[in-house]
Amino acid sequence: MGWTFAWVSSQHNDFNYDFRVSFRKEDLEAGPVEYNFGMQKGAMEELHGESMFFKDTDGTIYHTYSSYARAGEELAGTYRFLDLAPLGRNEGPDGNMMKWMRRHDEYGT
């Protein structure tokens, strides 16, 4: 269809801090931080978030969408397949939601 769109990175700038998905250690130590439209205790330095923007012909930039936490999982194909499996992601009640994930060199022999 000839569609094109630019992907841009937030590396080497303050974008992730401005949109409250990255946090400095001193901010985390000072108390709750704002994430996912609420205050969170014990947040990590890097959390999930995605944002979409539109640039008009006159150069005006519009923030059209943001999602946080698990809202963007449809972009990670692995999650979709795991959600179809009998045990799903096999996430337990202990709060360690990613305990099932291992890197290729972390599996036993």
N, C-alpha and C. Protein backbone atom coordinates (compact mmCIF):
# COMPACT_ATOMS: atom_id res chain seq x y z
N MET A 1 0.81 -1.20 0.00
CA MET A 1 0.00 0.00 0.00
C MET A 1 0.85 1.26 0.00
N GLY A 2 2.15 1.10 0.14
CA GLY A 2 3.02 2.26 0.10
C GLY A 2 3.05 3.08 1.38
N TRP A 3 2.54 2.51 2.47
CA TRP A 3 2.53 3.25 3.74
C TRP A 3 3.93 3.32 4.31
N THR A 4 4.24 4.43 4.92
CA THR A 4 5.50 4.57 5.63
C THR A 4 5.26 5.28 6.94
N PHE A 5 6.07 5.01 7.90
CA PHE A 5 6.03 5.74 9.16
C PHE A 5 7.39 5.65 9.81
N ALA A 6 7.71 6.66 10.57
CA ALA A 6 9.03 6.74 11.20
C ALA A 6 8.98 6.12 12.59
N TRP A 7 9.95 5.27 12.88
CA TRP A 7 10.17 4.76 14.23
C TRP A 7 11.23 5.64 14.85
N VAL A 8 11.04 6.06 16.06
CA VAL A 8 12.03 6.88 16.73
C VAL A 8 12.37 6.25 18.08
N SER A 9 13.54 6.53 18.56
CA SER A 9 14.03 5.95 19.80
C SER A 9 14.04 6.99 20.91
N SER A 10 13.88 6.51 22.12
CA SER A 10 13.97 7.39 23.29
C SER A 10 15.35 7.31 23.94
N GLN A 11 16.27 6.63 23.28
CA GLN A 11 17.62 6.51 23.83
C GLN A 11 18.34 7.86 23.79
N HIS A 12 19.09 8.15 24.82
CA HIS A 12 19.91 9.36 24.92
C HIS A 12 19.09 10.65 25.03
N ASN A 13 17.88 10.56 25.60
CA ASN A 13 17.11 11.77 25.89
C ASN A 13 16.21 11.52 27.10
N ASP A 14 15.41 12.49 27.47
CA ASP A 14 14.58 12.40 28.68
C ASP A 14 13.15 11.94 28.42
N PHE A 15 12.85 11.50 27.22
CA PHE A 15 11.48 11.14 26.87
C PHE A 15 10.87 10.15 27.86
N ASN A 16 11.56 9.07 28.19
CA ASN A 16 11.01 8.05 29.08
C ASN A 16 10.75 8.59 30.48
N TYR A 17 11.55 9.54 30.91
CA TYR A 17 11.32 10.19 32.21
C TYR A 17 10.10 11.11 32.12
N ASP A 18 10.00 11.85 31.02
CA ASP A 18 8.87 12.76 30.83
C ASP A 18 7.54 12.00 30.79
N PHE A 19 7.54 10.81 30.19
CA PHE A 19 6.31 10.02 30.07
C PHE A 19 6.18 8.98 31.18
N ARG A 20 7.03 9.08 32.18
CA ARG A 20 6.95 8.31 33.43
C ARG A 20 6.96 6.80 33.22
N VAL A 21 7.95 6.34 32.44
CA VAL A 21 8.22 4.91 32.34
C VAL A 21 9.64 4.58 32.76
N SER A 22 10.49 5.59 32.93
CA SER A 22 11.83 5.43 33.47
C SER A 22 11.94 6.31 34.71
N PHE A 23 12.71 5.80 35.69
CA PHE A 23 12.81 6.49 36.97
C PHE A 23 14.25 6.49 37.45
N ARG A 24 14.67 7.60 37.98
CA ARG A 24 16.01 7.70 38.56
C ARG A 24 15.99 7.07 39.95
N LYS A 25 17.12 6.52 40.35
CA LYS A 25 17.21 5.84 41.65
C LYS A 25 16.78 6.75 42.79
N GLU A 26 17.19 8.01 42.75
CA GLU A 26 16.85 8.93 43.84
C GLU A 26 15.34 9.18 43.92
N ASP A 27 14.65 9.15 42.76
CA ASP A 27 13.19 9.32 42.78
C ASP A 27 12.50 8.10 43.38
N LEU A 28 13.01 6.92 43.06
CA LEU A 28 12.44 5.69 43.62
C LEU A 28 12.66 5.63 45.13
N GLU A 29 13.83 6.07 45.56
CA GLU A 29 14.14 6.03 46.99
C GLU A 29 13.32 7.06 47.77
N ALA A 30 12.91 8.14 47.12
CA ALA A 30 12.17 9.21 47.80
C ALA A 30 10.72 8.82 48.09
N GLY A 31 10.22 7.81 47.41
CA GLY A 31 8.84 7.40 47.67
C GLY A 31 8.13 6.96 46.41
N PRO A 32 6.81 6.90 46.45
CA PRO A 32 6.06 6.45 45.27
C PRO A 32 6.31 7.35 44.07
N VAL A 33 6.26 6.74 42.88
CA VAL A 33 6.41 7.48 41.62
C VAL A 33 5.14 7.29 40.80
N GLU A 34 4.89 8.22 39.91
CA GLU A 34 3.70 8.12 39.07
C GLU A 34 3.97 7.19 37.89
N TYR A 35 3.11 6.17 37.76
CA TYR A 35 3.19 5.22 36.64
C TYR A 35 1.79 4.69 36.38
N ASN A 36 1.43 4.59 35.11
CA ASN A 36 0.13 4.04 34.72
C ASN A 36 -1.01 4.80 35.39
N PHE A 37 -0.91 6.13 35.41
CA PHE A 37 -1.94 7.03 35.91
C PHE A 37 -2.21 6.87 37.41
N GLY A 38 -1.21 6.39 38.14
CA GLY A 38 -1.35 6.27 39.58
C GLY A 38 0.02 6.26 40.24
N MET A 39 0.04 6.30 41.55
CA MET A 39 1.29 6.29 42.30
C MET A 39 1.67 4.85 42.62
N GLN A 40 2.94 4.51 42.38
CA GLN A 40 3.42 3.14 42.55
C GLN A 40 4.59 3.12 43.52
N LYS A 41 4.54 2.21 44.46
CA LYS A 41 5.67 1.98 45.35
C LYS A 41 6.48 0.82 44.81
N GLY A 42 7.78 0.87 45.03
CA GLY A 42 8.63 -0.25 44.64
C GLY A 42 8.77 -0.45 43.15
N ALA A 43 8.59 0.58 42.37
CA ALA A 43 8.73 0.46 40.92
C ALA A 43 10.20 0.22 40.57
N MET A 44 10.42 -0.34 39.40
CA MET A 44 11.77 -0.55 38.88
C MET A 44 12.21 0.69 38.11
N GLU A 45 13.49 0.75 37.77
CA GLU A 45 13.99 1.91 37.03
C GLU A 45 13.42 2.01 35.63
N GLU A 46 13.10 0.88 35.02
CA GLU A 46 12.54 0.87 33.66
C GLU A 46 11.26 0.05 33.67
N LEU A 47 10.17 0.65 33.22
CA LEU A 47 8.89 -0.05 33.11
C LEU A 47 8.35 0.09 31.70
N HIS A 48 7.34 -0.68 31.39
CA HIS A 48 6.78 -0.72 30.04
C HIS A 48 5.87 0.47 29.77
N GLY A 49 5.96 0.97 28.56
CA GLY A 49 5.04 2.00 28.09
C GLY A 49 5.23 2.19 26.60
N GLU A 50 4.17 2.57 25.95
CA GLU A 50 4.26 2.89 24.52
C GLU A 50 3.37 4.09 24.24
N SER A 51 3.83 4.92 23.35
CA SER A 51 3.09 6.13 23.02
C SER A 51 3.06 6.31 21.51
N MET A 52 1.98 6.88 21.02
CA MET A 52 1.82 7.17 19.60
C MET A 52 1.59 8.65 19.42
N PHE A 53 2.12 9.18 18.32
CA PHE A 53 2.03 10.61 18.02
C PHE A 53 1.67 10.79 16.56
N PHE A 54 1.11 11.95 16.25
CA PHE A 54 0.80 12.32 14.88
C PHE A 54 1.34 13.71 14.63
N LYS A 55 2.04 13.88 13.52
CA LYS A 55 2.57 15.18 13.15
C LYS A 55 1.76 15.72 11.98
N ASP A 56 1.12 16.86 12.20
CA ASP A 56 0.27 17.49 11.20
C ASP A 56 1.13 18.14 10.11
N THR A 57 0.50 18.54 9.03
CA THR A 57 1.23 19.15 7.92
C THR A 57 1.89 20.47 8.32
N ASP A 58 1.35 21.15 9.33
CA ASP A 58 1.96 22.40 9.77
C ASP A 58 3.04 22.17 10.83
N GLY A 59 3.33 20.91 11.15
CA GLY A 59 4.38 20.59 12.11
C GLY A 59 3.91 20.40 13.55
N THR A 60 2.62 20.60 13.81
CA THR A 60 2.09 20.38 15.15
C THR A 60 2.10 18.89 15.47
N ILE A 61 2.60 18.56 16.65
CA ILE A 61 2.67 17.16 17.07
C ILE A 61 1.59 16.90 18.11
N TYR A 62 0.80 15.85 17.88
CA TYR A 62 -0.28 15.46 18.77
C TYR A 62 0.06 14.14 19.45
N HIS A 63 -0.13 14.07 20.74
CA HIS A 63 0.01 12.82 21.49
C HIS A 63 -1.34 12.13 21.40
N THR A 64 -1.41 11.01 20.66
CA THR A 64 -2.70 10.39 20.38
C THR A 64 -3.00 9.18 21.23
N TYR A 65 -1.99 8.56 21.84
CA TYR A 65 -2.25 7.32 22.58
C TYR A 65 -1.07 6.98 23.46
N SER A 66 -1.34 6.46 24.65
CA SER A 66 -0.32 5.87 25.51
C SER A 66 -0.93 4.69 26.24
N SER A 67 -0.13 3.68 26.46
CA SER A 67 -0.55 2.55 27.30
C SER A 67 0.64 2.13 28.14
N TYR A 68 0.34 1.55 29.28
CA TYR A 68 1.36 1.19 30.25
C TYR A 68 1.09 -0.22 30.77
N ALA A 69 2.05 -0.72 31.55
CA ALA A 69 1.94 -2.02 32.19
C ALA A 69 1.69 -3.10 31.13
N ARG A 70 0.67 -3.89 31.28
CA ARG A 70 0.42 -5.00 30.37
C ARG A 70 -0.38 -4.62 29.14
N ALA A 71 -0.71 -3.37 28.98
CA ALA A 71 -1.59 -2.96 27.89
C ALA A 71 -0.97 -3.14 26.52
N GLY A 72 0.35 -3.17 26.40
CA GLY A 72 0.98 -3.28 25.09
C GLY A 72 1.41 -4.68 24.71
N GLU A 73 0.93 -5.67 25.42
CA GLU A 73 1.41 -7.03 25.19
C GLU A 73 1.02 -7.60 23.83
N GLU A 74 0.03 -7.02 23.18
CA GLU A 74 -0.35 -7.53 21.86
C GLU A 74 0.78 -7.36 20.84
N LEU A 75 1.76 -6.53 21.15
CA LEU A 75 2.89 -6.34 20.26
C LEU A 75 3.98 -7.39 20.45
N ALA A 76 3.90 -8.16 21.53
CA ALA A 76 4.88 -9.22 21.81
C ALA A 76 4.23 -10.56 21.47
N GLY A 77 4.55 -11.10 20.31
CA GLY A 77 3.91 -12.32 19.82
C GLY A 77 4.00 -13.51 20.75
N THR A 78 5.09 -13.63 21.50
CA THR A 78 5.26 -14.76 22.40
C THR A 78 4.15 -14.82 23.43
N TYR A 79 3.78 -13.68 23.99
CA TYR A 79 2.71 -13.65 24.99
C TYR A 79 1.41 -14.21 24.43
N ARG A 80 1.09 -13.85 23.21
CA ARG A 80 -0.17 -14.31 22.59
C ARG A 80 -0.20 -15.83 22.50
N PHE A 81 0.91 -16.44 22.12
CA PHE A 81 0.95 -17.90 22.05
C PHE A 81 0.87 -18.53 23.43
N LEU A 82 1.58 -17.97 24.39
CA LEU A 82 1.53 -18.51 25.75
C LEU A 82 0.13 -18.40 26.34
N ASP A 83 -0.58 -17.35 26.03
CA ASP A 83 -1.94 -17.17 26.56
C ASP A 83 -2.90 -18.24 26.04
N LEU A 84 -2.57 -18.87 24.93
CA LEU A 84 -3.40 -19.94 24.37
C LEU A 84 -3.07 -21.30 24.99
N ALA A 85 -1.92 -21.42 25.62
CA ALA A 85 -1.48 -22.70 26.19
C ALA A 85 -2.30 -23.05 27.44
N PRO A 86 -2.41 -24.36 27.76
CA PRO A 86 -3.22 -24.77 28.92
C PRO A 86 -2.84 -24.08 30.22
N LEU A 87 -1.57 -23.86 30.47
CA LEU A 87 -1.15 -23.20 31.70
C LEU A 87 -0.84 -21.72 31.48
N GLY A 88 -1.15 -21.22 30.30
CA GLY A 88 -0.89 -19.82 30.01
C GLY A 88 0.58 -19.48 30.19
N ARG A 89 0.85 -18.43 30.87
CA ARG A 89 2.23 -18.02 31.13
C ARG A 89 2.78 -18.67 32.40
N ASN A 90 1.94 -19.46 33.04
CA ASN A 90 2.32 -20.17 34.26
C ASN A 90 2.82 -19.19 35.32
N GLU A 91 2.10 -18.08 35.45
CA GLU A 91 2.45 -17.07 36.44
C GLU A 91 1.79 -17.41 37.76
N GLY A 92 2.57 -17.48 38.79
CA GLY A 92 2.05 -17.84 40.09
C GLY A 92 1.62 -16.65 40.91
N PRO A 93 1.04 -16.92 42.07
CA PRO A 93 0.55 -15.84 42.93
C PRO A 93 1.65 -15.13 43.71
N ASP A 94 2.92 -15.54 43.50
CA ASP A 94 4.02 -14.95 44.28
C ASP A 94 4.44 -13.58 43.78
N GLY A 95 3.83 -13.10 42.70
CA GLY A 95 4.14 -11.77 42.20
C GLY A 95 5.29 -11.71 41.20
N ASN A 96 5.96 -12.83 40.98
CA ASN A 96 7.05 -12.87 40.01
C ASN A 96 6.48 -13.28 38.66
N MET A 97 5.96 -12.30 37.94
CA MET A 97 5.23 -12.59 36.72
C MET A 97 6.11 -13.12 35.59
N MET A 98 7.39 -12.86 35.62
CA MET A 98 8.25 -13.27 34.52
C MET A 98 9.14 -14.47 34.88
N LYS A 99 8.80 -15.21 35.91
CA LYS A 99 9.68 -16.29 36.33
C LYS A 99 9.78 -17.40 35.28
N TRP A 100 8.83 -17.49 34.40
CA TRP A 100 8.85 -18.50 33.35
C TRP A 100 9.89 -18.20 32.27
N MET A 101 10.27 -16.94 32.14
CA MET A 101 11.17 -16.55 31.05
C MET A 101 12.62 -16.87 31.38
N ARG A 102 13.29 -17.49 30.40
CA ARG A 102 14.73 -17.75 30.52
C ARG A 102 15.38 -17.37 29.20
N ARG A 103 16.58 -16.87 29.30
CA ARG A 103 17.36 -16.62 28.09
C ARG A 103 17.91 -17.95 27.58
N HIS A 104 18.30 -17.95 26.33
CA HIS A 104 18.68 -19.22 25.68
C HIS A 104 19.78 -19.96 26.44
N ASP A 105 20.66 -19.25 27.13
CA ASP A 105 21.77 -19.91 27.84
C ASP A 105 21.45 -20.20 29.31
N GLU A 106 20.20 -19.99 29.74
CA GLU A 106 19.83 -20.21 31.13
C GLU A 106 19.06 -21.52 31.34
N TYR A 107 18.84 -22.29 30.30
CA TYR A 107 18.17 -23.57 30.44
C TYR A 107 19.18 -24.63 30.89
N GLY A 108 18.70 -25.57 31.67
CA GLY A 108 19.56 -26.67 32.11
C GLY A 108 19.88 -27.61 30.96
N THR A 109 20.83 -28.48 31.17
CA THR A 109 21.21 -29.42 30.09
C THR A 109 20.29 -30.61 30.04
